[in-house]
Amino acid sequence: MSIIINIDVVMAQRKMRSKDLAEKIGITTANLSILKTGKAKAIRFSTLEKICKALDCQPGDILVFEKD
């Protein structure tokens, strides 16, 4: 089971830099990088909500499930 994180894809579509997104949602660029690379073990719903608001997207645009 794999959860694919597409934050960087949505960011590119919106022409938003990591630094700008991190500032908008109130996390460090290092923590955003961990999310973007899929190394995070979890994400808070409140953080996911902030990301979706900042990028004007749905959670399904960012998180994708793929079977192994």
N, C-alpha and C. Protein backbone atom coordinates (compact mmCIF):
# COMPACT_ATOMS: atom_id res chain seq x y z
N MET A 1 0.85 -1.18 0.00
CA MET A 1 0.00 0.00 0.00
C MET A 1 0.89 1.23 0.00
N SER A 2 0.61 2.16 -0.89
CA SER A 2 1.41 3.37 -0.99
C SER A 2 0.51 4.59 -1.12
N ILE A 3 0.86 5.58 -0.35
CA ILE A 3 0.21 6.88 -0.47
C ILE A 3 1.20 7.79 -1.19
N ILE A 4 0.80 8.34 -2.31
CA ILE A 4 1.65 9.22 -3.09
C ILE A 4 1.28 10.66 -2.76
N ILE A 5 2.29 11.47 -2.49
CA ILE A 5 2.08 12.88 -2.15
C ILE A 5 2.39 13.72 -3.38
N ASN A 6 1.43 14.49 -3.84
CA ASN A 6 1.58 15.31 -5.04
C ASN A 6 1.59 16.80 -4.74
N ILE A 7 2.09 17.18 -3.59
CA ILE A 7 2.11 18.61 -3.24
C ILE A 7 2.94 19.39 -4.26
N ASP A 8 4.08 18.84 -4.64
CA ASP A 8 4.95 19.57 -5.57
C ASP A 8 4.30 19.76 -6.94
N VAL A 9 3.49 18.80 -7.37
CA VAL A 9 2.79 18.92 -8.65
C VAL A 9 1.77 20.06 -8.59
N VAL A 10 0.99 20.08 -7.52
CA VAL A 10 -0.02 21.13 -7.36
C VAL A 10 0.65 22.49 -7.18
N MET A 11 1.77 22.52 -6.46
CA MET A 11 2.50 23.77 -6.29
C MET A 11 2.99 24.30 -7.64
N ALA A 12 3.49 23.42 -8.48
CA ALA A 12 3.97 23.83 -9.80
C ALA A 12 2.83 24.38 -10.65
N GLN A 13 1.66 23.74 -10.57
CA GLN A 13 0.51 24.21 -11.31
C GLN A 13 0.09 25.61 -10.85
N ARG A 14 0.28 25.88 -9.56
CA ARG A 14 -0.11 27.18 -8.99
C ARG A 14 1.04 28.18 -9.03
N LYS A 15 2.20 27.73 -9.51
CA LYS A 15 3.42 28.56 -9.56
C LYS A 15 3.76 29.12 -8.18
N MET A 16 3.76 28.21 -7.17
CA MET A 16 4.07 28.60 -5.80
C MET A 16 5.35 27.91 -5.35
N ARG A 17 6.20 28.68 -4.70
CA ARG A 17 7.46 28.13 -4.18
C ARG A 17 7.24 27.52 -2.80
N SER A 18 8.13 26.61 -2.44
CA SER A 18 8.05 25.94 -1.13
C SER A 18 8.09 26.95 0.01
N LYS A 19 8.97 27.91 -0.10
CA LYS A 19 9.09 28.93 0.95
C LYS A 19 7.77 29.66 1.15
N ASP A 20 7.12 30.03 0.05
CA ASP A 20 5.86 30.76 0.15
C ASP A 20 4.76 29.91 0.76
N LEU A 21 4.66 28.66 0.34
CA LEU A 21 3.64 27.77 0.90
C LEU A 21 3.89 27.53 2.38
N ALA A 22 5.14 27.28 2.75
CA ALA A 22 5.47 27.04 4.16
C ALA A 22 5.06 28.23 5.02
N GLU A 23 5.32 29.44 4.54
CA GLU A 23 4.93 30.63 5.29
C GLU A 23 3.42 30.75 5.41
N LYS A 24 2.70 30.46 4.32
CA LYS A 24 1.23 30.57 4.34
C LYS A 24 0.58 29.59 5.32
N ILE A 25 1.15 28.37 5.42
CA ILE A 25 0.51 27.36 6.27
C ILE A 25 1.14 27.27 7.66
N GLY A 26 2.22 27.99 7.88
CA GLY A 26 2.80 28.07 9.22
C GLY A 26 3.66 26.88 9.61
N ILE A 27 4.40 26.30 8.66
CA ILE A 27 5.35 25.25 9.00
C ILE A 27 6.71 25.62 8.39
N THR A 28 7.74 24.93 8.83
CA THR A 28 9.07 25.21 8.29
C THR A 28 9.21 24.61 6.90
N THR A 29 10.14 25.15 6.14
CA THR A 29 10.39 24.58 4.81
C THR A 29 10.93 23.16 4.93
N ALA A 30 11.65 22.88 6.01
CA ALA A 30 12.15 21.52 6.23
C ALA A 30 11.00 20.54 6.42
N ASN A 31 9.99 20.92 7.21
CA ASN A 31 8.84 20.04 7.41
C ASN A 31 8.02 19.90 6.13
N LEU A 32 7.91 20.96 5.36
CA LEU A 32 7.21 20.87 4.08
C LEU A 32 7.96 19.93 3.15
N SER A 33 9.27 19.98 3.16
CA SER A 33 10.08 19.09 2.34
C SER A 33 9.85 17.63 2.72
N ILE A 34 9.74 17.36 4.01
CA ILE A 34 9.47 15.99 4.48
C ILE A 34 8.12 15.52 3.96
N LEU A 35 7.12 16.41 3.96
CA LEU A 35 5.81 16.06 3.41
C LEU A 35 5.89 15.80 1.91
N LYS A 36 6.57 16.69 1.19
CA LYS A 36 6.65 16.59 -0.26
C LYS A 36 7.35 15.32 -0.73
N THR A 37 8.35 14.88 0.02
CA THR A 37 9.10 13.68 -0.38
C THR A 37 8.44 12.39 0.05
N GLY A 38 7.36 12.49 0.82
CA GLY A 38 6.66 11.29 1.27
C GLY A 38 7.31 10.61 2.46
N LYS A 39 8.24 11.29 3.12
CA LYS A 39 8.92 10.70 4.27
C LYS A 39 8.15 10.88 5.58
N ALA A 40 7.11 11.69 5.55
CA ALA A 40 6.30 11.91 6.75
C ALA A 40 5.47 10.67 7.05
N LYS A 41 5.35 10.35 8.31
CA LYS A 41 4.56 9.20 8.73
C LYS A 41 3.09 9.56 8.89
N ALA A 42 2.81 10.85 9.05
CA ALA A 42 1.43 11.31 9.27
C ALA A 42 1.33 12.78 8.89
N ILE A 43 0.10 13.23 8.71
CA ILE A 43 -0.17 14.65 8.50
C ILE A 43 -1.44 15.00 9.27
N ARG A 44 -1.40 16.10 9.96
CA ARG A 44 -2.57 16.54 10.71
C ARG A 44 -3.62 17.06 9.73
N PHE A 45 -4.87 16.81 10.05
CA PHE A 45 -5.95 17.32 9.22
C PHE A 45 -5.90 18.85 9.14
N SER A 46 -5.50 19.49 10.23
CA SER A 46 -5.44 20.95 10.22
C SER A 46 -4.36 21.44 9.24
N THR A 47 -3.25 20.72 9.15
CA THR A 47 -2.20 21.08 8.18
C THR A 47 -2.67 20.80 6.76
N LEU A 48 -3.33 19.68 6.56
CA LEU A 48 -3.86 19.35 5.24
C LEU A 48 -4.88 20.40 4.80
N GLU A 49 -5.71 20.84 5.72
CA GLU A 49 -6.69 21.88 5.41
C GLU A 49 -6.01 23.17 5.00
N LYS A 50 -4.96 23.56 5.72
CA LYS A 50 -4.23 24.79 5.38
C LYS A 50 -3.58 24.68 4.00
N ILE A 51 -3.01 23.51 3.70
CA ILE A 51 -2.39 23.29 2.39
C ILE A 51 -3.44 23.42 1.30
N CYS A 52 -4.59 22.80 1.50
CA CYS A 52 -5.66 22.85 0.50
C CYS A 52 -6.17 24.28 0.30
N LYS A 53 -6.30 25.04 1.38
CA LYS A 53 -6.72 26.43 1.26
C LYS A 53 -5.69 27.26 0.51
N ALA A 54 -4.41 27.07 0.85
CA ALA A 54 -3.35 27.85 0.22
C ALA A 54 -3.20 27.52 -1.26
N LEU A 55 -3.41 26.25 -1.62
CA LEU A 55 -3.24 25.83 -3.01
C LEU A 55 -4.55 25.79 -3.77
N ASP A 56 -5.66 26.10 -3.09
CA ASP A 56 -6.99 26.07 -3.70
C ASP A 56 -7.23 24.72 -4.39
N CYS A 57 -7.13 23.65 -3.59
CA CYS A 57 -7.30 22.30 -4.14
C CYS A 57 -8.04 21.42 -3.13
N GLN A 58 -8.28 20.19 -3.52
CA GLN A 58 -8.93 19.19 -2.67
C GLN A 58 -7.86 18.23 -2.14
N PRO A 59 -8.11 17.57 -0.99
CA PRO A 59 -7.14 16.61 -0.48
C PRO A 59 -6.79 15.52 -1.50
N GLY A 60 -7.73 15.13 -2.33
CA GLY A 60 -7.48 14.12 -3.35
C GLY A 60 -6.54 14.58 -4.45
N ASP A 61 -6.35 15.90 -4.57
CA ASP A 61 -5.38 16.42 -5.52
C ASP A 61 -3.96 16.22 -5.00
N ILE A 62 -3.82 16.14 -3.69
CA ILE A 62 -2.51 16.04 -3.05
C ILE A 62 -2.17 14.60 -2.68
N LEU A 63 -3.15 13.86 -2.17
CA LEU A 63 -2.92 12.50 -1.70
C LEU A 63 -3.55 11.49 -2.65
N VAL A 64 -2.76 10.52 -3.10
CA VAL A 64 -3.25 9.49 -4.02
C VAL A 64 -2.84 8.14 -3.46
N PHE A 65 -3.78 7.19 -3.47
CA PHE A 65 -3.49 5.82 -3.02
C PHE A 65 -3.20 4.94 -4.23
N GLU A 66 -2.10 4.19 -4.16
CA GLU A 66 -1.76 3.24 -5.20
C GLU A 66 -1.50 1.88 -4.57
N LYS A 67 -2.10 0.86 -5.14
CA LYS A 67 -1.84 -0.50 -4.67
C LYS A 67 -0.45 -0.93 -5.10
N ASP A 68 0.18 -1.75 -4.28
CA ASP A 68 1.50 -2.27 -4.62
C ASP A 68 1.45 -3.29 -5.72
